[in-house]
């Protein structure tokens, strides 16, 4: 059940993350911005799996709680960091 909820969290946040990344990028650097986003995504998959494997000998529940706490702390840290983010104005000219 925990893995299902974590997967659902990823599925709900990934499209929003892509939208934010593309919205913050300039037209001429969009490819570089998306490349950096994909690099960090797959690096996170690798590092996260490795860290989970390192914590797993302490027990599956301990590993899930540790990762849950890390996610919660990351979310709390993101609030003041991204508090002033505003969407860019929509350009309706053709």
N, C-alpha and C. Protein backbone atom coordinates (compact mmCIF):
# COMPACT_ATOMS: atom_id res chain seq x y z
N UNK A 1 0.82 -1.20 0.00
CA UNK A 1 0.00 0.00 0.00
C UNK A 1 0.86 1.26 0.00
N UNK A 2 1.95 1.23 0.78
CA UNK A 2 2.83 2.41 0.85
C UNK A 2 3.46 2.69 -0.51
N UNK A 3 3.85 1.65 -1.22
CA UNK A 3 4.45 1.84 -2.54
C UNK A 3 3.42 2.40 -3.51
N UNK A 4 2.19 1.97 -3.39
CA UNK A 4 1.12 2.50 -4.23
C UNK A 4 0.93 4.00 -3.99
N UNK A 5 0.93 4.40 -2.74
CA UNK A 5 0.75 5.82 -2.41
C UNK A 5 1.95 6.64 -2.89
N UNK A 6 3.16 6.11 -2.73
CA UNK A 6 4.35 6.83 -3.20
C UNK A 6 4.33 6.96 -4.72
N UNK A 7 3.90 5.92 -5.41
CA UNK A 7 3.81 5.97 -6.86
C UNK A 7 2.75 6.98 -7.30
N UNK A 8 1.65 7.02 -6.58
CA UNK A 8 0.60 7.99 -6.90
C UNK A 8 1.12 9.41 -6.70
N UNK A 9 1.89 9.63 -5.65
CA UNK A 9 2.47 10.95 -5.41
C UNK A 9 3.38 11.37 -6.56
N UNK A 10 4.18 10.45 -7.05
CA UNK A 10 5.05 10.75 -8.19
C UNK A 10 4.21 11.06 -9.43
N UNK A 11 3.21 10.22 -9.68
CA UNK A 11 2.37 10.41 -10.87
C UNK A 11 1.62 11.73 -10.84
N UNK A 12 1.28 12.21 -9.66
CA UNK A 12 0.56 13.48 -9.55
C UNK A 12 1.49 14.69 -9.63
N UNK A 13 2.73 14.56 -9.21
CA UNK A 13 3.62 15.71 -9.19
C UNK A 13 4.49 15.84 -10.43
N UNK A 14 4.79 14.76 -11.12
CA UNK A 14 5.69 14.82 -12.27
C UNK A 14 5.17 15.73 -13.38
N UNK A 15 3.92 15.62 -13.82
CA UNK A 15 3.45 16.54 -14.87
C UNK A 15 3.50 18.01 -14.44
N UNK A 16 3.19 18.28 -13.19
CA UNK A 16 3.26 19.65 -12.69
C UNK A 16 4.70 20.15 -12.70
N UNK A 17 5.63 19.29 -12.32
CA UNK A 17 7.05 19.66 -12.31
C UNK A 17 7.53 20.00 -13.72
N UNK A 18 7.13 19.21 -14.71
CA UNK A 18 7.52 19.48 -16.09
C UNK A 18 6.93 20.82 -16.54
N UNK A 19 5.69 21.09 -16.16
CA UNK A 19 5.08 22.37 -16.52
C UNK A 19 5.80 23.55 -15.89
N UNK A 20 6.20 23.41 -14.64
CA UNK A 20 6.93 24.49 -13.96
C UNK A 20 8.28 24.70 -14.62
N UNK A 21 8.98 23.62 -14.93
CA UNK A 21 10.30 23.74 -15.54
C UNK A 21 10.20 24.42 -16.90
N UNK A 22 9.25 24.02 -17.72
CA UNK A 22 9.13 24.63 -19.04
C UNK A 22 8.64 26.07 -18.95
N UNK A 23 7.86 26.39 -17.94
CA UNK A 23 7.39 27.76 -17.78
C UNK A 23 8.51 28.70 -17.34
N UNK A 24 9.44 28.21 -16.54
CA UNK A 24 10.54 29.04 -16.05
C UNK A 24 11.65 29.21 -17.07
N UNK A 25 11.68 28.38 -18.10
CA UNK A 25 12.76 28.43 -19.08
C UNK A 25 12.48 29.48 -20.15
N UNK A 26 13.54 30.04 -20.66
CA UNK A 26 13.43 30.93 -21.82
C UNK A 26 13.32 30.07 -23.07
N UNK A 27 12.82 30.66 -24.14
CA UNK A 27 12.61 29.92 -25.39
C UNK A 27 13.92 29.32 -25.91
N UNK A 28 15.01 30.08 -25.86
CA UNK A 28 16.27 29.61 -26.43
C UNK A 28 17.02 28.63 -25.53
N UNK A 29 16.63 28.49 -24.27
CA UNK A 29 17.31 27.55 -23.36
C UNK A 29 16.40 26.42 -22.90
N UNK A 30 15.26 26.24 -23.56
CA UNK A 30 14.31 25.23 -23.13
C UNK A 30 14.90 23.82 -23.20
N UNK A 31 15.65 23.52 -24.25
CA UNK A 31 16.27 22.20 -24.37
C UNK A 31 17.26 21.92 -23.26
N UNK A 32 18.08 22.91 -22.95
CA UNK A 32 19.05 22.76 -21.87
C UNK A 32 18.35 22.61 -20.52
N UNK A 33 17.28 23.36 -20.32
CA UNK A 33 16.53 23.27 -19.07
C UNK A 33 15.89 21.90 -18.92
N UNK A 34 15.29 21.39 -19.98
CA UNK A 34 14.67 20.06 -19.91
C UNK A 34 15.73 18.98 -19.73
N UNK A 35 16.90 19.16 -20.35
CA UNK A 35 17.99 18.21 -20.15
C UNK A 35 18.43 18.15 -18.70
N UNK A 36 18.55 19.32 -18.07
CA UNK A 36 18.92 19.36 -16.65
C UNK A 36 17.85 18.71 -15.79
N UNK A 37 16.58 18.95 -16.12
CA UNK A 37 15.47 18.36 -15.37
C UNK A 37 15.51 16.83 -15.46
N UNK A 38 15.71 16.31 -16.67
CA UNK A 38 15.75 14.86 -16.85
C UNK A 38 16.98 14.27 -16.17
N UNK A 39 18.12 14.97 -16.25
CA UNK A 39 19.33 14.51 -15.57
C UNK A 39 19.10 14.39 -14.07
N UNK A 40 18.52 15.42 -13.47
CA UNK A 40 18.29 15.37 -12.02
C UNK A 40 17.25 14.31 -11.67
N UNK A 41 16.26 14.11 -12.54
CA UNK A 41 15.24 13.09 -12.29
C UNK A 41 15.87 11.70 -12.22
N UNK A 42 16.65 11.35 -13.23
CA UNK A 42 17.21 10.01 -13.27
C UNK A 42 18.36 9.84 -12.27
N UNK A 43 19.08 10.91 -11.98
CA UNK A 43 20.09 10.84 -10.92
C UNK A 43 19.41 10.59 -9.58
N UNK A 44 18.28 11.25 -9.36
CA UNK A 44 17.51 11.03 -8.14
C UNK A 44 16.98 9.61 -8.04
N UNK A 45 16.56 9.04 -9.17
CA UNK A 45 16.13 7.64 -9.16
C UNK A 45 17.27 6.74 -8.69
N UNK A 46 18.46 6.96 -9.23
CA UNK A 46 19.60 6.13 -8.87
C UNK A 46 20.04 6.32 -7.43
N UNK A 47 20.20 7.57 -7.02
CA UNK A 47 20.65 7.85 -5.65
C UNK A 47 19.58 7.41 -4.64
N UNK A 48 18.32 7.66 -4.96
CA UNK A 48 17.24 7.26 -4.05
C UNK A 48 17.18 5.75 -3.87
N UNK A 49 17.33 5.02 -4.96
CA UNK A 49 17.32 3.55 -4.87
C UNK A 49 18.52 3.06 -4.07
N UNK A 50 19.67 3.65 -4.30
CA UNK A 50 20.87 3.26 -3.56
C UNK A 50 20.72 3.54 -2.06
N UNK A 51 20.24 4.74 -1.72
CA UNK A 51 20.05 5.08 -0.30
C UNK A 51 19.00 4.17 0.35
N UNK A 52 17.93 3.89 -0.39
CA UNK A 52 16.90 3.00 0.15
C UNK A 52 17.49 1.62 0.43
N UNK A 53 18.33 1.14 -0.48
CA UNK A 53 19.00 -0.15 -0.26
C UNK A 53 19.94 -0.13 0.92
N UNK A 54 20.57 1.01 1.18
CA UNK A 54 21.47 1.13 2.33
C UNK A 54 20.70 1.14 3.65
N UNK A 55 19.51 1.71 3.65
CA UNK A 55 18.71 1.81 4.87
C UNK A 55 17.88 0.54 5.08
N UNK A 56 17.64 -0.21 4.03
CA UNK A 56 16.78 -1.40 4.09
C UNK A 56 17.22 -2.45 5.11
N UNK A 57 18.51 -2.66 5.38
CA UNK A 57 18.87 -3.64 6.41
C UNK A 57 18.31 -3.31 7.80
N UNK A 58 17.98 -2.06 8.05
CA UNK A 58 17.38 -1.67 9.34
C UNK A 58 15.90 -2.00 9.39
N UNK A 59 15.34 -2.44 8.28
CA UNK A 59 13.93 -2.80 8.22
C UNK A 59 13.19 -1.97 7.18
N UNK A 60 12.20 -2.59 6.56
CA UNK A 60 11.44 -1.92 5.51
C UNK A 60 10.68 -0.71 6.05
N UNK A 61 10.10 -0.87 7.23
CA UNK A 61 9.35 0.25 7.82
C UNK A 61 10.26 1.42 8.15
N UNK A 62 11.45 1.14 8.64
CA UNK A 62 12.41 2.21 8.95
C UNK A 62 12.79 2.94 7.67
N UNK A 63 13.01 2.18 6.59
CA UNK A 63 13.39 2.80 5.32
C UNK A 63 12.26 3.70 4.80
N UNK A 64 11.02 3.22 4.87
CA UNK A 64 9.90 4.04 4.40
C UNK A 64 9.71 5.29 5.25
N UNK A 65 9.85 5.15 6.55
CA UNK A 65 9.72 6.33 7.43
C UNK A 65 10.85 7.32 7.15
N UNK A 66 12.07 6.82 6.96
CA UNK A 66 13.21 7.70 6.68
C UNK A 66 12.97 8.49 5.39
N UNK A 67 12.49 7.82 4.36
CA UNK A 67 12.24 8.52 3.11
C UNK A 67 11.04 9.45 3.22
N UNK A 68 10.05 9.07 3.99
CA UNK A 68 8.91 9.96 4.22
C UNK A 68 9.33 11.23 4.94
N UNK A 69 10.20 11.09 5.93
CA UNK A 69 10.69 12.26 6.66
C UNK A 69 11.52 13.15 5.73
N UNK A 70 12.34 12.54 4.89
CA UNK A 70 13.14 13.33 3.94
C UNK A 70 12.24 14.10 2.99
N UNK A 71 11.17 13.47 2.52
CA UNK A 71 10.24 14.15 1.61
C UNK A 71 9.52 15.29 2.32
N UNK A 72 9.11 15.06 3.55
CA UNK A 72 8.43 16.10 4.31
C UNK A 72 9.35 17.29 4.55
N UNK A 73 10.59 17.03 4.93
CA UNK A 73 11.55 18.12 5.15
C UNK A 73 11.84 18.87 3.85
N UNK A 74 11.92 18.15 2.74
CA UNK A 74 12.13 18.81 1.45
C UNK A 74 10.95 19.70 1.09
N UNK A 75 9.74 19.23 1.34
CA UNK A 75 8.55 20.03 1.05
C UNK A 75 8.50 21.27 1.92
N UNK A 76 8.84 21.13 3.19
CA UNK A 76 8.83 22.29 4.09
C UNK A 76 9.90 23.29 3.67
N UNK A 77 11.07 22.80 3.27
CA UNK A 77 12.14 23.70 2.82
C UNK A 77 11.77 24.41 1.52
N UNK A 78 10.96 23.77 0.68
CA UNK A 78 10.59 24.37 -0.61
C UNK A 78 9.62 25.54 -0.45
N UNK A 79 8.85 25.55 0.61
CA UNK A 79 7.84 26.61 0.78
C UNK A 79 8.48 28.00 0.79
N UNK A 80 9.46 28.28 1.66
CA UNK A 80 10.04 29.63 1.61
C UNK A 80 10.89 29.87 0.37
N UNK A 81 11.46 28.82 -0.19
CA UNK A 81 12.31 29.00 -1.37
C UNK A 81 11.51 29.40 -2.60
N UNK A 82 10.29 28.89 -2.73
CA UNK A 82 9.49 29.14 -3.92
C UNK A 82 8.26 29.99 -3.63
N UNK A 83 8.24 30.65 -2.49
CA UNK A 83 7.07 31.43 -2.08
C UNK A 83 6.75 32.55 -3.06
N UNK A 84 7.75 33.18 -3.63
CA UNK A 84 7.54 34.33 -4.51
C UNK A 84 7.38 33.96 -5.97
N UNK A 85 7.32 32.69 -6.30
CA UNK A 85 7.16 32.28 -7.69
C UNK A 85 5.78 32.70 -8.19
N UNK A 86 5.76 33.32 -9.33
CA UNK A 86 4.52 33.74 -9.97
C UNK A 86 4.52 33.23 -11.41
N UNK A 87 3.37 32.87 -11.93
CA UNK A 87 3.34 32.45 -13.33
C UNK A 87 3.62 33.64 -14.25
N UNK A 88 4.28 33.36 -15.36
CA UNK A 88 4.55 34.43 -16.31
C UNK A 88 3.27 34.78 -17.04
N UNK A 89 3.14 36.04 -17.48
CA UNK A 89 1.93 36.45 -18.18
C UNK A 89 1.77 35.68 -19.49
N UNK A 90 0.54 35.43 -19.83
CA UNK A 90 0.23 34.70 -21.06
C UNK A 90 0.33 35.66 -22.24
N UNK A 91 1.06 35.24 -23.25
CA UNK A 91 1.21 36.04 -24.46
C UNK A 91 0.14 35.60 -25.45
N UNK A 92 -0.86 36.44 -25.68
CA UNK A 92 -1.97 36.07 -26.56
C UNK A 92 -1.80 36.60 -27.97
N UNK A 93 -0.73 37.33 -28.25
CA UNK A 93 -0.52 37.84 -29.60
C UNK A 93 -0.09 36.70 -30.52
N UNK A 94 -0.57 36.76 -31.75
CA UNK A 94 -0.29 35.67 -32.69
C UNK A 94 0.95 35.86 -33.47
